[in-house]
C-alpha atoms as a PDB file:
ATOM      1  CA  UNK A   1     -80.583 -95.994  60.073  1.00  0.00           C
ATOM      2  CA  UNK A   2     -83.970 -98.003  59.602  1.00  0.00           C
ATOM      3  CA  UNK A   3     -86.339 -94.990  59.472  1.00  0.00           C
ATOM      4  CA  UNK A   4     -89.364 -97.424  59.830  1.00  0.00           C
ATOM      5  CA  UNK A   5     -88.133 -98.652  63.419  1.00  0.00           C
ATOM      6  CA  UNK A   6     -87.811 -95.429  64.405  1.00  0.00           C
ATOM      7  CA  UNK A   7     -91.165 -94.182  63.098  1.00  0.00           C
ATOM      8  CA  UNK A   8     -92.726 -97.565  64.636  1.00  0.00           C
ATOM      9  CA  UNK A   9     -91.062 -97.010  67.761  1.00  0.00           C
ATOM     10  CA  UNK A  10     -92.226 -93.397  67.902  1.00  0.00           C
ATOM     11  CA  UNK A  11     -95.776 -94.620  67.458  1.00  0.00           C
ATOM     12  CA  UNK A  12     -95.777 -97.092  69.731  1.00  0.00           C
ATOM     13  CA  UNK A  13     -94.594 -94.885  72.574  1.00  0.00           C
ATOM     14  CA  UNK A  14     -97.641 -92.144  71.444  1.00  0.00           C
ATOM     15  CA  UNK A  15    -100.206 -94.857  70.516  1.00  0.00           C
ATOM     16  CA  UNK A  16     -99.480 -98.031  72.498  1.00  0.00           C
ATOM     17  CA  UNK A  17    -102.533 -99.563  71.986  1.00  0.00           C
ATOM     18  CA  UNK A  18    -102.421 -99.482  68.267  1.00  0.00           C
ATOM     19  CA  UNK A  19    -101.571-102.495  66.227  1.00  0.00           C
ATOM     20  CA  UNK A  20     -98.666-101.114  63.929  1.00  0.00           C
ATOM     21  CA  UNK A  21     -97.956-104.310  62.297  1.00  0.00           C
ATOM     22  CA  UNK A  22     -99.788-103.067  58.824  1.00  0.00           C
ATOM     23  CA  UNK A  23     -98.037 -99.811  59.167  1.00  0.00           C
ATOM     24  CA  UNK A  24     -94.607-101.604  59.610  1.00  0.00           C
ATOM     25  CA  UNK A  25     -94.724-104.045  57.019  1.00  0.00           C
ATOM     26  CA  UNK A  26     -95.924-101.440  54.538  1.00  0.00           C
ATOM     27  CA  UNK A  27     -93.206 -98.808  55.643  1.00  0.00           C
ATOM     28  CA  UNK A  28     -90.677-101.746  54.745  1.00  0.00           C
ATOM     29  CA  UNK A  29     -92.205-102.427  51.361  1.00  0.00           C
ATOM     30  CA  UNK A  30     -92.306 -98.638  50.670  1.00  0.00           C
ATOM     31  CA  UNK A  31     -88.696 -98.118  51.494  1.00  0.00           C
ATOM     32  CA  UNK A  32     -87.304-101.251  50.109  1.00  0.00           C
ATOM     33  CA  UNK A  33     -88.892 -99.925  46.703  1.00  0.00           C
ATOM     34  CA  UNK A  34     -87.373 -96.895  46.717  1.00  0.00           C
ATOM     35  CA  UNK A  35     -84.013 -98.033  47.689  1.00  0.00           C
ATOM     36  CA  UNK A  36     -84.419-100.842  44.931  1.00  0.00           C
ATOM     37  CA  UNK A  37     -85.607 -98.559  42.150  1.00  0.00           C
ATOM     38  CA  UNK A  38     -82.664 -96.074  43.077  1.00  0.00           C
ATOM     39  CA  UNK A  39     -80.243 -98.983  42.651  1.00  0.00           C
ATOM     40  CA  UNK A  40     -81.997-100.346  39.604  1.00  0.00           C
ATOM     41  CA  UNK A  41     -82.195 -96.887  38.092  1.00  0.00           C
ATOM     42  CA  UNK A  42     -78.191 -96.475  38.530  1.00  0.00           C
ATOM     43  CA  UNK A  43     -77.741 -99.605  36.570  1.00  0.00           C
ATOM     44  CA  UNK A  44     -79.627 -98.807  33.853  1.00  0.00           C
ATOM     45  CA  UNK A  45     -78.515 -95.103  33.823  1.00  0.00           C
ATOM     46  CA  UNK A  46     -74.761 -96.885  33.342  1.00  0.00           C
ATOM     47  CA  UNK A  47     -75.857 -98.595  30.488  1.00  0.00           C
ATOM     48  CA  UNK A  48     -77.337 -95.355  28.623  1.00  0.00           C
ATOM     49  CA  UNK A  49     -81.094 -96.274  29.429  1.00  0.00           C
ATOM     50  CA  UNK A  50     -83.908 -95.245  31.577  1.00  0.00           C
ATOM     51  CA  UNK A  51     -85.618 -97.991  33.578  1.00  0.00           C
ATOM     52  CA  UNK A  52     -88.798 -97.556  31.160  1.00  0.00           C
ATOM     53  CA  UNK A  53     -86.658 -98.093  28.223  1.00  0.00           C
ATOM     54  CA  UNK A  54     -84.932-101.295  29.612  1.00  0.00           C
ATOM     55  CA  UNK A  55     -88.798-102.279  30.256  1.00  0.00           C
ATOM     56  CA  UNK A  56     -89.803-101.950  26.959  1.00  0.00           C
ATOM     57  CA  UNK A  57     -86.503-104.010  25.379  1.00  0.00           C
ATOM     58  CA  UNK A  58     -87.321-106.756  28.092  1.00  0.00           C
ATOM     59  CA  UNK A  59     -90.985-107.121  27.044  1.00  0.00           C
ATOM     60  CA  UNK A  60     -90.062-107.433  23.341  1.00  0.00           C
ATOM     61  CA  UNK A  61     -87.339-109.615  23.943  1.00  0.00           C
ATOM     62  CA  UNK A  62     -89.352-112.113  26.266  1.00  0.00           C
ATOM     63  CA  UNK A  63     -92.216-112.071  23.943  1.00  0.00           C
ATOM     64  CA  UNK A  64     -89.661-114.416  21.652  1.00  0.00           C
ATOM     65  CA  UNK A  65     -89.565-114.517  18.019  1.00  0.00           C
ATOM     66  CA  UNK A  66     -89.654-112.277  16.135  1.00  0.00           C
ATOM     67  CA  UNK A  67     -89.416-110.083  19.036  1.00  0.00           C
ATOM     68  CA  UNK A  68     -92.329-107.788  18.067  1.00  0.00           C
ATOM     69  CA  UNK A  69     -95.482-106.589  19.569  1.00  0.00           C
ATOM     70  CA  UNK A  70     -98.114-103.925  19.022  1.00  0.00           C
ATOM     71  CA  UNK A  71     -97.931-100.635  20.742  1.00  0.00           C
ATOM     72  CA  UNK A  72    -101.267-101.636  22.585  1.00  0.00           C
ATOM     73  CA  UNK A  73     -99.632-104.974  23.727  1.00  0.00           C
ATOM     74  CA  UNK A  74     -96.512-103.156  24.977  1.00  0.00           C
ATOM     75  CA  UNK A  75     -98.472-100.538  27.111  1.00  0.00           C
ATOM     76  CA  UNK A  76    -100.755-103.392  28.651  1.00  0.00           C
ATOM     77  CA  UNK A  77     -97.965-105.453  29.472  1.00  0.00           C
ATOM     78  CA  UNK A  78     -96.121-102.444  31.034  1.00  0.00           C
ATOM     79  CA  UNK A  79     -99.305-100.907  32.294  1.00  0.00           C
ATOM     80  CA  UNK A  80     -98.633 -97.418  30.960  1.00  0.00           C
ATOM     81  CA  UNK A  81    -100.416 -94.833  29.227  1.00  0.00           C
ATOM     82  CA  UNK A  82    -100.179 -94.771  25.389  1.00  0.00           C
ATOM     83  CA  UNK A  83     -98.756 -91.354  25.602  1.00  0.00           C
ATOM     84  CA  UNK A  84     -95.780 -92.485  27.771  1.00  0.00           C
ATOM     85  CA  UNK A  85     -95.216 -95.756  25.839  1.00  0.00           C
ATOM     86  CA  UNK A  86     -95.165 -93.154  22.818  1.00  0.00           C
ATOM     87  CA  UNK A  87     -92.267 -91.545  24.433  1.00  0.00           C
ATOM     88  CA  UNK A  88     -90.240 -94.426  25.045  1.00  0.00           C
ATOM     89  CA  UNK A  89     -90.706 -95.897  21.877  1.00  0.00           C
ATOM     90  CA  UNK A  90     -89.685 -92.559  20.260  1.00  0.00           C
ATOM     91  CA  UNK A  91     -86.399 -92.602  22.194  1.00  0.00           C
ATOM     92  CA  UNK A  92     -85.765 -96.147  21.792  1.00  0.00           C
ATOM     93  CA  UNK A  93     -86.342 -96.032  17.965  1.00  0.00           C
ATOM     94  CA  UNK A  94     -84.169 -92.982  17.511  1.00  0.00           C
ATOM     95  CA  UNK A  95     -81.366 -94.808  19.443  1.00  0.00           C
ATOM     96  CA  UNK A  96     -81.623 -97.641  16.810  1.00  0.00           C
ATOM     97  CA  UNK A  97     -82.861-100.171  19.301  1.00  0.00           C
ATOM     98  CA  UNK A  98     -86.231-100.653  18.138  1.00  0.00           C
ATOM     99  CA  UNK A  99     -88.162-100.140  14.788  1.00  0.00           C
ATOM    100  CA  UNK A 100     -92.035 -99.541  13.953  1.00  0.00           C
ATOM    101  CA  UNK A 101     -93.341-101.197  11.025  1.00  0.00           C
ATOM    102  CA  UNK A 102     -96.767-101.595   9.397  1.00  0.00           C
ATOM    103  CA  UNK A 103     -98.696-104.410  10.768  1.00  0.00           C
ATOM    104  CA  UNK A 104     -99.487-106.998   8.542  1.00  0.00           C
ATOM    105  CA  UNK A 105    -102.490-108.110  10.399  1.00  0.00           C
ATOM    106  CA  UNK A 106    -103.707-104.700  10.678  1.00  0.00           C
ATOM    107  CA  UNK A 107    -103.585-102.181   7.822  1.00  0.00           C
ATOM    108  CA  UNK A 108    -104.347 -99.546  10.397  1.00  0.00           C
ATOM    109  CA  UNK A 109    -101.685-100.615  12.927  1.00  0.00           C
ATOM    110  CA  UNK A 110     -98.158-100.789  13.628  1.00  0.00           C
ATOM    111  CA  UNK A 111     -95.519-103.344  15.044  1.00  0.00           C
ATOM    112  CA  UNK A 112     -92.796-102.529  17.388  1.00  0.00           C
ATOM    113  CA  UNK A 113     -89.859-104.758  17.076  1.00  0.00           C
ATOM    114  CA  UNK A 114     -86.196-105.027  18.415  1.00  0.00           C
ATOM    115  CA  UNK A 115     -83.605-104.252  15.975  1.00  0.00           C
ATOM    116  CA  UNK A 116     -80.263-106.335  15.852  1.00  0.00           C
ATOM    117  CA  UNK A 117     -78.587-103.749  17.945  1.00  0.00           C
ATOM    118  CA  UNK A 118     -81.729-103.830  20.599  1.00  0.00           C
ATOM    119  CA  UNK A 119     -81.398-107.513  20.935  1.00  0.00           C
ATOM    120  CA  UNK A 120     -77.768-107.595  21.292  1.00  0.00           C
ATOM    121  CA  UNK A 121     -77.819-104.655  24.070  1.00  0.00           C
ATOM    122  CA  UNK A 122     -80.833-106.655  26.177  1.00  0.00           C
ATOM    123  CA  UNK A 123     -79.205-110.016  25.670  1.00  0.00           C
ATOM    124  CA  UNK A 124     -76.085-108.558  27.038  1.00  0.00           C
ATOM    125  CA  UNK A 125     -77.799-106.605  30.099  1.00  0.00           C
ATOM    126  CA  UNK A 126     -80.463-109.110  31.198  1.00  0.00           C
ATOM    127  CA  UNK A 127     -77.765-111.464  32.882  1.00  0.00           C
ATOM    128  CA  UNK A 128     -76.222-108.271  34.373  1.00  0.00           C
ATOM    129  CA  UNK A 129     -79.712-106.991  35.560  1.00  0.00           C
ATOM    130  CA  UNK A 130     -80.159-110.319  37.109  1.00  0.00           C
ATOM    131  CA  UNK A 131     -76.662-110.204  39.089  1.00  0.00           C
ATOM    132  CA  UNK A 132     -77.566-106.853  40.209  1.00  0.00           C
ATOM    133  CA  UNK A 133     -80.926-107.991  41.611  1.00  0.00           C
ATOM    134  CA  UNK A 134     -79.318-110.848  43.424  1.00  0.00           C
ATOM    135  CA  UNK A 135     -77.205-108.241  44.951  1.00  0.00           C
ATOM    136  CA  UNK A 136     -79.962-106.388  46.168  1.00  0.00           C
ATOM    137  CA  UNK A 137     -81.092-109.655  47.909  1.00  0.00           C
ATOM    138  CA  UNK A 138     -77.986-110.469  49.596  1.00  0.00           C
ATOM    139  CA  UNK A 139     -79.139-109.697  52.664  1.00  0.00           C
ATOM    140  CA  UNK A 140     -81.495-112.585  52.639  1.00  0.00           C
ATOM    141  CA  UNK A 141     -80.881-116.088  52.463  1.00  0.00           C
ATOM    142  CA  UNK A 142     -81.886-118.246  49.148  1.00  0.00           C
ATOM    143  CA  UNK A 143     -84.417-119.752  51.319  1.00  0.00           C
ATOM    144  CA  UNK A 144     -85.725-116.388  52.853  1.00  0.00           C
ATOM    145  CA  UNK A 145     -85.762-114.985  49.307  1.00  0.00           C
ATOM    146  CA  UNK A 146     -88.176-117.925  48.291  1.00  0.00           C
ATOM    147  CA  UNK A 147     -90.210-117.248  51.244  1.00  0.00           C
ATOM    148  CA  UNK A 148     -90.502-113.669  50.474  1.00  0.00           C
ATOM    149  CA  UNK A 149     -91.156-114.415  46.946  1.00  0.00           C
ATOM    150  CA  UNK A 150     -94.203-116.540  47.771  1.00  0.00           C
ATOM    151  CA  UNK A 151     -95.614-114.514  50.265  1.00  0.00           C
ATOM    152  CA  UNK A 152     -95.300-111.214  47.991  1.00  0.00           C
ATOM    153  CA  UNK A 153     -96.808-113.244  45.359  1.00  0.00           C
ATOM    154  CA  UNK A 154     -99.562-113.907  47.656  1.00  0.00           C
ATOM    155  CA  UNK A 155     -99.983-110.323  48.755  1.00  0.00           C
ATOM    156  CA  UNK A 156    -100.243-109.261  44.887  1.00  0.00           C
ATOM    157  CA  UNK A 157    -102.792-111.811  44.124  1.00  0.00           C
ATOM    158  CA  UNK A 158    -105.163-110.426  46.892  1.00  0.00           C
ATOM    159  CA  UNK A 159    -104.386-106.902  46.064  1.00  0.00           C
ATOM    160  CA  UNK A 160    -105.225-107.607  42.180  1.00  0.00           C
ATOM    161  CA  UNK A 161    -108.514-109.571  43.338  1.00  0.00           C
ATOM    162  CA  UNK A 162    -109.841-106.389  45.144  1.00  0.00           C
END
Protein backbone atom coordinates (compact mmCIF):
# COMPACT_ATOMS: atom_id res chain seq x y z
CA UNK A 1 0.00 0.00 0.00
CA UNK A 2 1.35 3.41 -0.96
CA UNK A 3 0.86 5.38 2.27
CA UNK A 4 2.19 8.57 0.70
CA UNK A 5 -0.50 8.56 -2.00
CA UNK A 6 -3.14 7.79 0.61
CA UNK A 7 -2.08 10.63 2.93
CA UNK A 8 -1.72 13.16 0.10
CA UNK A 9 -5.10 12.13 -1.31
CA UNK A 10 -6.70 12.72 2.09
CA UNK A 11 -5.03 16.14 2.39
CA UNK A 12 -6.17 17.05 -1.14
CA UNK A 13 -9.73 16.23 -0.12
CA UNK A 14 -9.46 18.27 3.10
CA UNK A 15 -7.38 21.20 1.80
CA UNK A 16 -7.86 21.29 -1.98
CA UNK A 17 -6.15 24.68 -2.41
CA UNK A 18 -2.90 23.64 -0.74
CA UNK A 19 0.06 22.73 -2.98
CA UNK A 20 0.97 19.31 -1.62
CA UNK A 21 3.81 18.48 -4.01
CA UNK A 22 6.49 19.27 -1.37
CA UNK A 23 4.74 17.00 1.15
CA UNK A 24 4.44 14.25 -1.44
CA UNK A 25 8.09 14.42 -2.55
CA UNK A 26 9.41 14.50 1.03
CA UNK A 27 7.02 11.68 1.95
CA UNK A 28 8.40 9.54 -0.87
CA UNK A 29 11.98 10.35 0.16
CA UNK A 30 11.33 9.48 3.80
CA UNK A 31 9.41 6.30 3.06
CA UNK A 32 11.95 5.13 0.50
CA UNK A 33 14.75 5.79 2.98
CA UNK A 34 13.03 3.73 5.69
CA UNK A 35 12.45 0.78 3.38
CA UNK A 36 15.97 1.00 1.97
CA UNK A 37 17.50 1.19 5.45
CA UNK A 38 15.57 -1.87 6.55
CA UNK A 39 16.74 -3.91 3.58
CA UNK A 40 20.35 -2.75 3.92
CA UNK A 41 20.33 -3.48 7.65
CA UNK A 42 19.07 -7.01 6.91
CA UNK A 43 21.91 -7.51 4.43
CA UNK A 44 24.54 -6.35 6.95
CA UNK A 45 23.04 -8.51 9.71
CA UNK A 46 23.16 -11.53 7.40
CA UNK A 47 26.92 -10.94 7.20
CA UNK A 48 27.42 -10.41 10.94
CA UNK A 49 27.67 -6.62 10.86
CA UNK A 50 25.68 -3.56 11.75
CA UNK A 51 25.32 -0.84 9.11
CA UNK A 52 27.66 1.49 10.99
CA UNK A 53 30.34 -1.17 11.24
CA UNK A 54 30.12 -1.79 7.51
CA UNK A 55 30.48 1.96 6.97
CA UNK A 56 33.70 2.04 9.01
CA UNK A 57 35.19 -0.90 7.11
CA UNK A 58 34.14 0.58 3.74
CA UNK A 59 35.54 4.01 4.65
CA UNK A 60 38.89 2.52 5.61
CA UNK A 61 38.98 0.42 2.43
CA UNK A 62 38.14 3.29 0.10
CA UNK A 63 40.82 5.43 1.75
CA UNK A 64 43.35 3.30 -0.14
CA UNK A 65 46.67 1.90 1.02
CA UNK A 66 47.50 1.57 3.87
CA UNK A 67 43.74 1.46 4.72
CA UNK A 68 44.24 3.57 7.82
CA UNK A 69 42.70 6.80 9.11
CA UNK A 70 42.67 8.69 12.38
CA UNK A 71 39.51 8.41 14.47
CA UNK A 72 38.82 12.08 13.66
CA UNK A 73 39.06 11.45 9.92
CA UNK A 74 36.69 8.50 10.34
CA UNK A 75 34.00 10.29 12.31
CA UNK A 76 34.16 13.29 9.99
CA UNK A 77 33.79 11.02 6.94
CA UNK A 78 30.88 9.19 8.58
CA UNK A 79 29.30 12.28 10.23
CA UNK A 80 29.29 10.69 13.68
CA UNK A 81 30.04 11.81 17.18
CA UNK A 82 33.36 10.69 18.61
CA UNK A 83 31.47 8.60 21.22
CA UNK A 84 29.50 6.77 18.56
CA UNK A 85 32.70 6.13 16.63
CA UNK A 86 34.45 4.73 19.72
CA UNK A 87 31.70 2.14 20.24
CA UNK A 88 31.90 1.00 16.62
CA UNK A 89 35.66 0.80 16.72
CA UNK A 90 35.57 -1.20 19.95
CA UNK A 91 33.23 -3.80 18.39
CA UNK A 92 35.24 -4.04 15.17
CA UNK A 93 38.51 -4.37 17.07
CA UNK A 94 37.10 -7.16 19.26
CA UNK A 95 35.99 -8.92 16.05
CA UNK A 96 39.54 -8.66 14.67
CA UNK A 97 38.46 -6.52 11.69
CA UNK A 98 40.39 -3.37 12.60
CA UNK A 99 43.35 -2.51 14.76
CA UNK A 100 44.38 0.64 16.55
CA UNK A 101 48.02 1.62 16.59
CA UNK A 102 50.06 4.70 17.49
CA UNK A 103 50.03 7.39 14.82
CA UNK A 104 53.62 7.87 13.63
CA UNK A 105 52.77 11.47 12.64
CA UNK A 106 51.21 12.40 16.01
CA UNK A 107 52.59 10.97 19.25
CA UNK A 108 49.28 11.54 21.06
CA UNK A 109 47.10 10.13 18.29
CA UNK A 110 46.12 6.73 16.99
CA UNK A 111 45.49 5.24 13.60
CA UNK A 112 42.65 2.85 12.82
CA UNK A 113 43.44 0.37 10.10
CA UNK A 114 41.91 -2.67 8.49
CA UNK A 115 43.32 -6.01 9.50
CA UNK A 116 43.84 -8.66 6.83
CA UNK A 117 40.57 -10.23 8.02
CA UNK A 118 38.78 -6.87 7.80
CA UNK A 119 40.06 -6.22 4.30
CA UNK A 120 39.05 -9.70 3.14
CA UNK A 121 35.56 -9.21 4.55
CA UNK A 122 34.96 -5.79 3.04
CA UNK A 123 36.41 -6.84 -0.33
CA UNK A 124 34.00 -9.79 -0.35
CA UNK A 125 31.00 -7.73 0.78
CA UNK A 126 31.29 -4.63 -1.43
CA UNK A 127 30.21 -6.39 -4.67
CA UNK A 128 27.36 -8.12 -2.81
CA UNK A 129 26.33 -4.81 -1.27
CA UNK A 130 26.23 -3.11 -4.69
CA UNK A 131 24.16 -6.02 -6.06
CA UNK A 132 21.76 -5.58 -3.15
CA UNK A 133 21.48 -1.85 -3.86
CA UNK A 134 20.85 -2.62 -7.55
CA UNK A 135 17.95 -4.89 -6.51
CA UNK A 136 16.50 -2.02 -4.49
CA UNK A 137 16.53 0.16 -7.61
CA UNK A 138 15.07 -2.46 -9.98
CA UNK A 139 11.70 -0.65 -10.24
CA UNK A 140 13.58 2.08 -12.15
CA UNK A 141 15.25 1.82 -15.54
CA UNK A 142 18.95 2.66 -15.80
CA UNK A 143 18.03 6.02 -17.36
CA UNK A 144 15.57 6.74 -14.53
CA UNK A 145 18.25 5.85 -11.97
CA UNK A 146 20.67 8.28 -13.64
CA UNK A 147 18.02 11.03 -13.63
CA UNK A 148 17.18 10.37 -9.98
CA UNK A 149 20.88 10.38 -9.14
CA UNK A 150 21.34 13.80 -10.75
CA UNK A 151 18.25 15.24 -9.07
CA UNK A 152 19.13 13.91 -5.61
CA UNK A 153 22.68 15.23 -6.02
CA UNK A 154 21.27 18.64 -6.89
CA UNK A 155 18.92 18.51 -3.91
CA UNK A 156 21.73 17.53 -1.54
CA UNK A 157 24.00 20.28 -2.89
CA UNK A 158 21.24 22.80 -2.24
CA UNK A 159 20.50 21.49 1.25
CA UNK A 160 24.17 21.47 2.24
CA UNK A 161 24.57 25.01 0.91
CA UNK A 162 21.94 26.39 3.26
